[in-house]
Amino acid sequence: MKKFVLLLFALAVAFSAGGAAAHPPSDLDLLYNREEGVLEVYAPHSVPDGKRHYINLFTLSLNGDLMYRLEPAWQVDGKAAAASFHVGDLPKGAVLEVEAVCNRAGNMKKNLTVE
């Protein structure tokens, strides 16, 4: 019986540790440059190995319509993922929504209303 309880405990620790390592980006920084017509996205996502744990999907919607879907194959460094999207000269009040998804678990969305 003690071996069974120890096995269950070990499995619980193993599964919870794997889940703790998986996480969405800690933030999404969105910067729209009207002159260049570009939206820059910076997603802080601290990881030990960017080829195994990374942001594997960015989506960009404009006023609720999907505009871009970007699927990186890995994260270049262990600190953050980044993406740039050409969106053109947007009118005041346009709403950009970006979602970043971790390949292991978690996602984050953020909106930017054009001023």
Protein backbone atom coordinates (compact mmCIF):
# COMPACT_ATOMS: atom_id res chain seq x y z
CA MET A 1 0.00 0.00 0.00
CA LYS A 2 2.84 2.42 0.83
CA LYS A 3 4.39 1.79 -2.60
CA PHE A 4 1.09 2.61 -4.28
CA VAL A 5 0.74 5.88 -2.33
CA LEU A 6 4.34 6.82 -3.14
CA LEU A 7 3.75 6.07 -6.82
CA LEU A 8 0.63 8.26 -6.86
CA PHE A 9 2.53 11.06 -5.12
CA ALA A 10 5.42 10.80 -7.61
CA LEU A 11 3.02 10.92 -10.55
CA ALA A 12 1.20 13.93 -9.11
CA VAL A 13 4.49 15.79 -8.65
CA ALA A 14 5.65 14.91 -12.17
CA PHE A 15 2.43 16.09 -13.80
CA SER A 16 2.20 19.28 -11.77
CA ALA A 17 5.84 20.18 -12.51
CA GLY A 18 5.26 19.80 -16.25
CA GLY A 19 2.22 22.03 -16.08
CA ALA A 20 4.03 24.65 -14.02
CA ALA A 21 6.71 24.97 -16.70
CA ALA A 22 4.12 25.66 -19.39
CA HIS A 23 2.82 29.21 -19.44
CA PRO A 24 1.49 31.92 -21.74
CA PRO A 25 3.51 35.06 -22.43
CA SER A 26 3.70 37.31 -19.38
CA ASP A 27 2.47 40.30 -21.42
CA LEU A 28 1.86 41.51 -24.97
CA ASP A 29 3.31 44.85 -25.99
CA LEU A 30 1.64 46.25 -29.13
CA LEU A 31 3.09 49.21 -31.02
CA TYR A 32 1.42 50.56 -34.15
CA ASN A 33 3.54 52.74 -36.42
CA ARG A 34 1.17 54.63 -38.73
CA GLU A 35 3.96 55.99 -40.96
CA GLU A 36 5.22 52.49 -41.75
CA GLY A 37 1.80 50.82 -41.46
CA VAL A 38 3.30 48.17 -39.20
CA LEU A 39 2.16 46.61 -35.92
CA GLU A 40 5.05 45.37 -33.76
CA VAL A 41 4.25 42.68 -31.18
CA TYR A 42 6.59 41.81 -28.32
CA ALA A 43 5.64 38.82 -26.15
CA PRO A 44 7.84 38.26 -23.06
CA HIS A 45 8.01 34.48 -22.62
CA SER A 46 10.93 33.26 -20.53
CA VAL A 47 11.94 29.70 -21.43
CA PRO A 48 15.06 27.54 -21.00
CA ASP A 49 14.87 26.02 -24.52
CA GLY A 50 13.16 28.00 -27.28
CA LYS A 51 13.07 24.99 -29.62
CA ARG A 52 10.93 22.96 -27.20
CA HIS A 53 8.88 25.62 -25.41
CA TYR A 54 7.84 28.65 -27.44
CA ILE A 55 5.06 30.85 -28.76
CA ASN A 56 3.80 28.75 -31.66
CA LEU A 57 0.95 30.95 -32.84
CA PHE A 58 0.24 34.65 -33.27
CA THR A 59 -3.11 35.76 -34.66
CA LEU A 60 -3.99 39.31 -35.59
CA SER A 61 -7.56 40.44 -36.12
CA LEU A 62 -8.68 43.82 -37.40
CA ASN A 63 -12.14 44.88 -36.19
CA GLY A 64 -12.95 41.24 -35.42
CA ASP A 65 -11.81 39.81 -38.78
CA LEU A 66 -8.78 37.52 -38.88
CA MET A 67 -6.02 39.26 -40.84
CA TYR A 68 -2.90 37.19 -40.07
CA ARG A 69 -2.03 33.79 -38.64
CA LEU A 70 1.69 33.33 -37.95
CA GLU A 71 3.05 29.97 -36.75
CA PRO A 72 6.70 30.24 -35.65
CA ALA A 73 8.62 26.94 -35.45
CA TRP A 74 10.63 28.03 -32.39
CA GLN A 75 11.50 30.99 -30.18
CA VAL A 76 14.76 32.68 -31.15
CA ASP A 77 15.88 33.47 -27.61
CA GLY A 78 14.90 32.45 -24.09
CA LYS A 79 13.39 35.82 -23.21
CA ALA A 80 10.64 36.67 -25.68
CA ALA A 81 8.94 36.12 -29.00
CA ALA A 82 8.25 38.94 -31.43
CA ALA A 83 6.36 39.50 -34.66
CA SER A 84 5.71 42.32 -37.13
CA PHE A 85 2.59 42.68 -39.23
CA HIS A 86 1.97 45.03 -42.15
CA VAL A 87 -1.48 46.50 -41.53
CA GLY A 88 -1.36 49.71 -43.56
CA ASP A 89 -2.68 53.14 -42.61
CA LEU A 90 -5.58 52.36 -40.30
CA PRO A 91 -8.39 54.79 -39.48
CA LYS A 92 -8.85 56.17 -36.00
CA GLY A 93 -10.94 53.78 -33.91
CA ALA A 94 -9.81 50.61 -35.70
CA VAL A 95 -9.33 47.77 -33.22
CA LEU A 96 -6.40 45.39 -33.53
CA GLU A 97 -6.50 42.21 -31.44
CA VAL A 98 -3.44 40.00 -31.04
CA GLU A 99 -3.38 36.55 -29.50
CA ALA A 100 -0.18 34.69 -28.64
CA VAL A 101 -0.34 30.96 -27.85
CA CYS A 102 2.29 28.87 -26.04
CA ASN A 103 2.96 25.47 -27.63
CA ARG A 104 2.71 23.81 -24.21
CA ALA A 105 -0.14 25.65 -22.51
CA GLY A 106 -1.73 29.03 -22.22
CA ASN A 107 -2.51 32.03 -24.34
CA MET A 108 -2.87 35.78 -24.00
CA LYS A 109 -4.92 38.33 -25.95
CA LYS A 110 -4.57 42.07 -26.07
CA ASN A 111 -6.35 44.83 -27.97
CA LEU A 112 -5.08 48.12 -29.36
CA THR A 113 -7.45 50.84 -30.52
CA VAL A 114 -5.87 53.10 -33.13
CA GLU A 115 -5.72 56.74 -31.99
